[in-house]
């Protein structure tokens, strides 16, 4: 049974408890220039180091921060859903480039 500060104990893994887990977070202030510090615990969990780039998206009224690796992983999953495994986009691109080179 999970313990949540505002809600007490919540049993099971139902939609409500997963929603509550999603609302538990840390509070941060926006500094000059719109800067927000990502807490050290979150940076460690994501494997982020100073100087790393992240992807920031606005989705359903929320800011979502993704590592580049996670963004690439999601893009690859999206392509996999729409492109047959027997099709090679790399081979198609190479063939198109060769055709362009011949035309020039």
N, C-alpha and C. Protein backbone atom coordinates (compact mmCIF):
# COMPACT_ATOMS: atom_id res chain seq x y z
N UNK A 1 0.84 -1.17 0.00
CA UNK A 1 0.00 0.00 0.00
C UNK A 1 0.89 1.24 0.00
N UNK A 2 0.65 2.14 -0.93
CA UNK A 2 1.47 3.34 -1.05
C UNK A 2 1.01 4.42 -0.08
N UNK A 3 1.94 5.22 0.38
CA UNK A 3 1.66 6.33 1.30
C UNK A 3 1.89 7.64 0.55
N UNK A 4 0.91 8.50 0.50
CA UNK A 4 1.01 9.79 -0.16
C UNK A 4 0.68 10.88 0.83
N UNK A 5 1.52 11.92 0.91
CA UNK A 5 1.36 12.95 1.94
C UNK A 5 -0.03 13.57 2.01
N UNK A 6 -0.62 13.91 0.87
CA UNK A 6 -1.91 14.59 0.90
C UNK A 6 -3.10 13.64 0.99
N UNK A 7 -2.89 12.38 0.63
CA UNK A 7 -4.02 11.47 0.49
C UNK A 7 -3.98 10.30 1.46
N UNK A 8 -2.90 10.16 2.24
CA UNK A 8 -2.79 9.02 3.14
C UNK A 8 -2.46 7.77 2.37
N UNK A 9 -2.92 6.63 2.88
CA UNK A 9 -2.60 5.36 2.24
C UNK A 9 -3.59 5.07 1.12
N UNK A 10 -3.06 4.59 0.01
CA UNK A 10 -3.88 4.24 -1.14
C UNK A 10 -3.50 2.83 -1.54
N UNK A 11 -4.49 1.95 -1.58
CA UNK A 11 -4.17 0.56 -1.90
C UNK A 11 -4.31 0.31 -3.39
N UNK A 12 -3.63 -0.72 -3.84
CA UNK A 12 -3.75 -1.15 -5.23
C UNK A 12 -2.99 -0.27 -6.20
N UNK A 13 -3.07 -0.67 -7.45
CA UNK A 13 -2.38 0.07 -8.50
C UNK A 13 -3.41 0.57 -9.50
N UNK A 14 -4.49 1.17 -9.00
CA UNK A 14 -5.57 1.64 -9.86
C UNK A 14 -5.21 2.98 -10.49
N UNK A 15 -6.09 3.50 -11.32
CA UNK A 15 -5.84 4.76 -12.01
C UNK A 15 -5.64 5.92 -11.05
N UNK A 16 -6.42 5.93 -9.96
CA UNK A 16 -6.31 7.03 -9.01
C UNK A 16 -4.92 7.08 -8.39
N UNK A 17 -4.42 5.93 -7.94
CA UNK A 17 -3.11 5.95 -7.30
C UNK A 17 -2.01 6.31 -8.28
N UNK A 18 -2.13 5.91 -9.55
CA UNK A 18 -1.09 6.29 -10.51
C UNK A 18 -1.19 7.78 -10.82
N UNK A 19 -2.40 8.34 -10.82
CA UNK A 19 -2.55 9.78 -11.01
C UNK A 19 -1.90 10.54 -9.87
N UNK A 20 -2.11 10.07 -8.64
CA UNK A 20 -1.55 10.73 -7.47
C UNK A 20 -0.04 10.66 -7.52
N UNK A 21 0.51 9.50 -7.91
CA UNK A 21 1.97 9.39 -8.02
C UNK A 21 2.49 10.41 -9.02
N UNK A 22 1.76 10.64 -10.10
CA UNK A 22 2.18 11.61 -11.10
C UNK A 22 2.15 13.04 -10.60
N UNK A 23 1.31 13.32 -9.60
CA UNK A 23 1.20 14.68 -9.08
C UNK A 23 2.27 14.94 -8.02
N UNK A 24 2.79 13.90 -7.40
CA UNK A 24 3.86 14.10 -6.43
C UNK A 24 5.10 14.54 -7.17
N UNK A 25 5.65 15.64 -6.78
CA UNK A 25 6.82 16.16 -7.45
C UNK A 25 7.49 17.14 -6.53
N UNK A 26 8.34 17.93 -7.08
CA UNK A 26 9.01 18.95 -6.29
C UNK A 26 8.59 20.31 -6.81
N UNK A 27 8.68 21.28 -5.96
CA UNK A 27 8.35 22.65 -6.32
C UNK A 27 9.63 23.36 -6.73
N UNK A 28 9.54 24.17 -7.75
CA UNK A 28 10.71 24.93 -8.22
C UNK A 28 10.24 26.31 -8.63
N UNK A 29 11.11 27.28 -8.46
CA UNK A 29 10.80 28.64 -8.86
C UNK A 29 11.45 28.94 -10.20
N UNK A 30 10.80 29.80 -10.95
CA UNK A 30 11.34 30.23 -12.22
C UNK A 30 12.23 31.44 -11.95
N UNK A 31 13.49 31.34 -12.34
CA UNK A 31 14.46 32.41 -12.12
C UNK A 31 14.49 33.32 -13.35
N UNK A 32 15.34 34.34 -13.28
CA UNK A 32 15.49 35.26 -14.40
C UNK A 32 15.77 34.50 -15.68
N UNK A 33 15.22 34.99 -16.76
CA UNK A 33 15.45 34.35 -18.05
C UNK A 33 14.69 33.05 -18.22
N UNK A 34 13.75 32.75 -17.31
CA UNK A 34 12.96 31.52 -17.41
C UNK A 34 13.68 30.27 -16.95
N UNK A 35 14.78 30.42 -16.22
CA UNK A 35 15.56 29.26 -15.77
C UNK A 35 14.83 28.50 -14.68
N UNK A 36 14.85 27.19 -14.82
CA UNK A 36 14.31 26.28 -13.80
C UNK A 36 15.38 25.24 -13.53
N UNK A 37 15.66 24.98 -12.26
CA UNK A 37 16.66 23.98 -11.90
C UNK A 37 15.98 22.61 -11.82
N UNK A 38 16.55 21.65 -12.54
CA UNK A 38 16.07 20.27 -12.44
C UNK A 38 16.73 19.68 -11.21
N UNK A 39 15.93 19.18 -10.26
CA UNK A 39 16.51 18.64 -9.02
C UNK A 39 17.56 17.56 -9.28
N UNK A 40 18.58 17.53 -8.43
CA UNK A 40 19.69 16.58 -8.59
C UNK A 40 19.22 15.14 -8.68
N UNK A 41 18.23 14.77 -7.88
CA UNK A 41 17.71 13.39 -7.90
C UNK A 41 17.17 13.05 -9.29
N UNK A 42 16.46 13.98 -9.91
CA UNK A 42 15.91 13.75 -11.24
C UNK A 42 17.02 13.69 -12.29
N UNK A 43 18.02 14.58 -12.17
CA UNK A 43 19.14 14.55 -13.11
C UNK A 43 19.88 13.22 -13.02
N UNK A 44 20.09 12.73 -11.80
CA UNK A 44 20.75 11.42 -11.63
C UNK A 44 19.93 10.32 -12.27
N UNK A 45 18.62 10.33 -12.03
CA UNK A 45 17.73 9.29 -12.56
C UNK A 45 17.76 9.27 -14.09
N UNK A 46 17.85 10.46 -14.69
CA UNK A 46 17.87 10.56 -16.15
C UNK A 46 19.27 10.48 -16.74
N UNK A 47 20.29 10.46 -15.89
CA UNK A 47 21.66 10.39 -16.37
C UNK A 47 22.12 11.70 -17.01
N UNK A 48 21.56 12.82 -16.55
CA UNK A 48 21.91 14.12 -17.12
C UNK A 48 23.13 14.71 -16.43
N UNK A 49 24.00 15.28 -17.24
CA UNK A 49 25.22 15.93 -16.76
C UNK A 49 25.19 17.39 -17.22
N UNK A 50 25.94 18.26 -16.53
CA UNK A 50 26.02 19.66 -16.99
C UNK A 50 26.46 19.71 -18.45
N UNK A 51 25.76 20.53 -19.24
CA UNK A 51 26.07 20.67 -20.65
C UNK A 51 25.23 19.77 -21.56
N UNK A 52 24.57 18.75 -20.98
CA UNK A 52 23.71 17.89 -21.80
C UNK A 52 22.54 18.71 -22.33
N UNK A 53 22.07 18.34 -23.51
CA UNK A 53 20.90 18.98 -24.08
C UNK A 53 19.67 18.13 -23.80
N UNK A 54 18.55 18.78 -23.59
CA UNK A 54 17.28 18.09 -23.38
C UNK A 54 16.26 18.64 -24.37
N UNK A 55 15.19 17.91 -24.57
CA UNK A 55 14.09 18.33 -25.42
C UNK A 55 12.96 18.76 -24.48
N UNK A 56 12.43 19.96 -24.72
CA UNK A 56 11.32 20.46 -23.90
C UNK A 56 10.11 20.61 -24.80
N UNK A 57 9.02 19.97 -24.39
CA UNK A 57 7.78 20.03 -25.18
C UNK A 57 6.65 20.56 -24.30
N UNK A 58 5.72 21.26 -24.94
CA UNK A 58 4.51 21.68 -24.28
C UNK A 58 3.42 20.73 -24.74
N UNK A 59 2.85 19.98 -23.81
CA UNK A 59 1.86 18.95 -24.15
C UNK A 59 0.75 18.95 -23.12
N UNK A 60 -0.46 19.17 -23.57
CA UNK A 60 -1.62 19.16 -22.69
C UNK A 60 -1.44 20.06 -21.47
N UNK A 61 -0.89 21.26 -21.69
CA UNK A 61 -0.73 22.21 -20.60
C UNK A 61 0.40 21.88 -19.65
N UNK A 62 1.28 20.95 -20.03
CA UNK A 62 2.41 20.56 -19.20
C UNK A 62 3.71 20.74 -19.97
N UNK A 63 4.77 21.09 -19.26
CA UNK A 63 6.10 21.07 -19.85
C UNK A 63 6.65 19.68 -19.63
N UNK A 64 7.14 19.08 -20.67
CA UNK A 64 7.75 17.75 -20.57
C UNK A 64 9.19 17.86 -21.00
N UNK A 65 10.07 17.33 -20.19
CA UNK A 65 11.50 17.39 -20.47
C UNK A 65 11.97 15.97 -20.76
N UNK A 66 12.56 15.78 -21.93
CA UNK A 66 13.07 14.47 -22.32
C UNK A 66 14.56 14.56 -22.60
N UNK A 67 15.26 13.49 -22.30
CA UNK A 67 16.65 13.42 -22.72
C UNK A 67 16.66 13.22 -24.23
N UNK A 68 17.77 13.56 -24.87
CA UNK A 68 17.88 13.32 -26.31
C UNK A 68 17.70 11.84 -26.61
N UNK A 69 18.28 10.98 -25.77
CA UNK A 69 18.18 9.53 -25.99
C UNK A 69 16.72 9.09 -25.95
N UNK A 70 15.94 9.61 -25.01
CA UNK A 70 14.53 9.24 -24.92
C UNK A 70 13.76 9.76 -26.12
N UNK A 71 14.06 10.98 -26.57
CA UNK A 71 13.39 11.53 -27.74
C UNK A 71 13.67 10.68 -28.98
N UNK A 72 14.92 10.24 -29.14
CA UNK A 72 15.28 9.38 -30.27
C UNK A 72 14.55 8.04 -30.17
N UNK A 73 14.52 7.48 -28.97
CA UNK A 73 13.83 6.20 -28.75
C UNK A 73 12.35 6.31 -29.13
N UNK A 74 11.71 7.40 -28.74
CA UNK A 74 10.29 7.59 -29.07
C UNK A 74 10.09 7.80 -30.56
N UNK A 75 10.99 8.53 -31.20
CA UNK A 75 10.90 8.74 -32.65
C UNK A 75 11.06 7.41 -33.39
N UNK A 76 12.00 6.59 -32.94
CA UNK A 76 12.21 5.29 -33.57
C UNK A 76 10.97 4.40 -33.40
N UNK A 77 10.35 4.44 -32.23
CA UNK A 77 9.15 3.65 -31.98
C UNK A 77 8.01 4.11 -32.88
N UNK A 78 7.91 5.42 -33.09
CA UNK A 78 6.88 5.96 -33.98
C UNK A 78 7.08 5.49 -35.40
N UNK A 79 8.31 5.54 -35.88
CA UNK A 79 8.61 5.08 -37.24
C UNK A 79 8.32 3.59 -37.37
N UNK A 80 8.71 2.81 -36.36
CA UNK A 80 8.48 1.36 -36.41
C UNK A 80 7.00 1.01 -36.53
N UNK A 81 6.14 1.84 -35.94
CA UNK A 81 4.70 1.58 -36.03
C UNK A 81 4.16 1.83 -37.44
N UNK A 82 4.84 2.65 -38.23
CA UNK A 82 4.31 3.04 -39.53
C UNK A 82 5.10 2.52 -40.72
N UNK A 83 6.23 1.89 -40.48
CA UNK A 83 7.06 1.38 -41.58
C UNK A 83 7.25 -0.12 -41.39
N UNK A 84 6.98 -0.88 -42.45
CA UNK A 84 7.14 -2.33 -42.37
C UNK A 84 8.59 -2.68 -42.08
N UNK A 85 8.82 -3.73 -41.32
CA UNK A 85 10.18 -4.16 -40.97
C UNK A 85 11.00 -4.54 -42.20
N UNK A 86 10.33 -5.00 -43.24
CA UNK A 86 11.05 -5.43 -44.45
C UNK A 86 11.53 -4.24 -45.29
N UNK A 87 11.08 -3.03 -44.95
CA UNK A 87 11.44 -1.83 -45.71
C UNK A 87 12.64 -1.14 -45.06
N UNK A 88 13.62 -0.75 -45.88
CA UNK A 88 14.79 -0.06 -45.36
C UNK A 88 14.78 1.39 -45.83
N UNK A 89 14.49 2.30 -44.91
CA UNK A 89 14.48 3.71 -45.25
C UNK A 89 15.89 4.19 -45.62
N UNK A 90 16.89 3.62 -45.01
CA UNK A 90 18.28 3.98 -45.32
C UNK A 90 18.60 3.62 -46.76
N UNK A 91 18.23 2.41 -47.16
CA UNK A 91 18.48 1.97 -48.55
C UNK A 91 17.73 2.86 -49.53
N UNK A 92 16.47 3.22 -49.20
CA UNK A 92 15.69 4.08 -50.09
C UNK A 92 16.34 5.46 -50.22
N UNK A 93 16.80 6.02 -49.12
CA UNK A 93 17.45 7.32 -49.16
C UNK A 93 18.73 7.26 -49.99
N UNK A 94 19.52 6.21 -49.78
CA UNK A 94 20.76 6.05 -50.55
C UNK A 94 20.47 5.96 -52.04
N UNK A 95 19.44 5.21 -52.41
CA UNK A 95 19.08 5.06 -53.82
C UNK A 95 18.64 6.41 -54.40
N UNK A 96 17.85 7.16 -53.63
CA UNK A 96 17.42 8.49 -54.09
C UNK A 96 18.62 9.40 -54.32
N UNK A 97 19.58 9.38 -53.39
CA UNK A 97 20.77 10.23 -53.53
C UNK A 97 21.60 9.84 -54.74
N UNK A 98 21.72 8.53 -55.00
CA UNK A 98 22.47 8.08 -56.17
C UNK A 98 21.78 8.56 -57.45
N UNK A 99 20.45 8.47 -57.48
CA UNK A 99 19.69 8.93 -58.65
C UNK A 99 19.89 10.44 -58.86
N UNK A 100 19.88 11.20 -57.79
CA UNK A 100 20.09 12.65 -57.87
C UNK A 100 21.50 12.94 -58.43
N UNK A 101 22.48 12.20 -57.95
CA UNK A 101 23.87 12.41 -58.39
C UNK A 101 24.01 12.12 -59.88
N UNK A 102 23.31 11.11 -60.37
CA UNK A 102 23.35 10.77 -61.80
C UNK A 102 22.74 11.89 -62.61
N UNK A 103 21.64 12.47 -62.14
CA UNK A 103 20.95 13.55 -62.86
C UNK A 103 21.78 14.82 -62.91
N UNK A 104 22.66 15.04 -61.99
CA UNK A 104 23.47 16.27 -61.95
C UNK A 104 24.60 16.18 -62.85
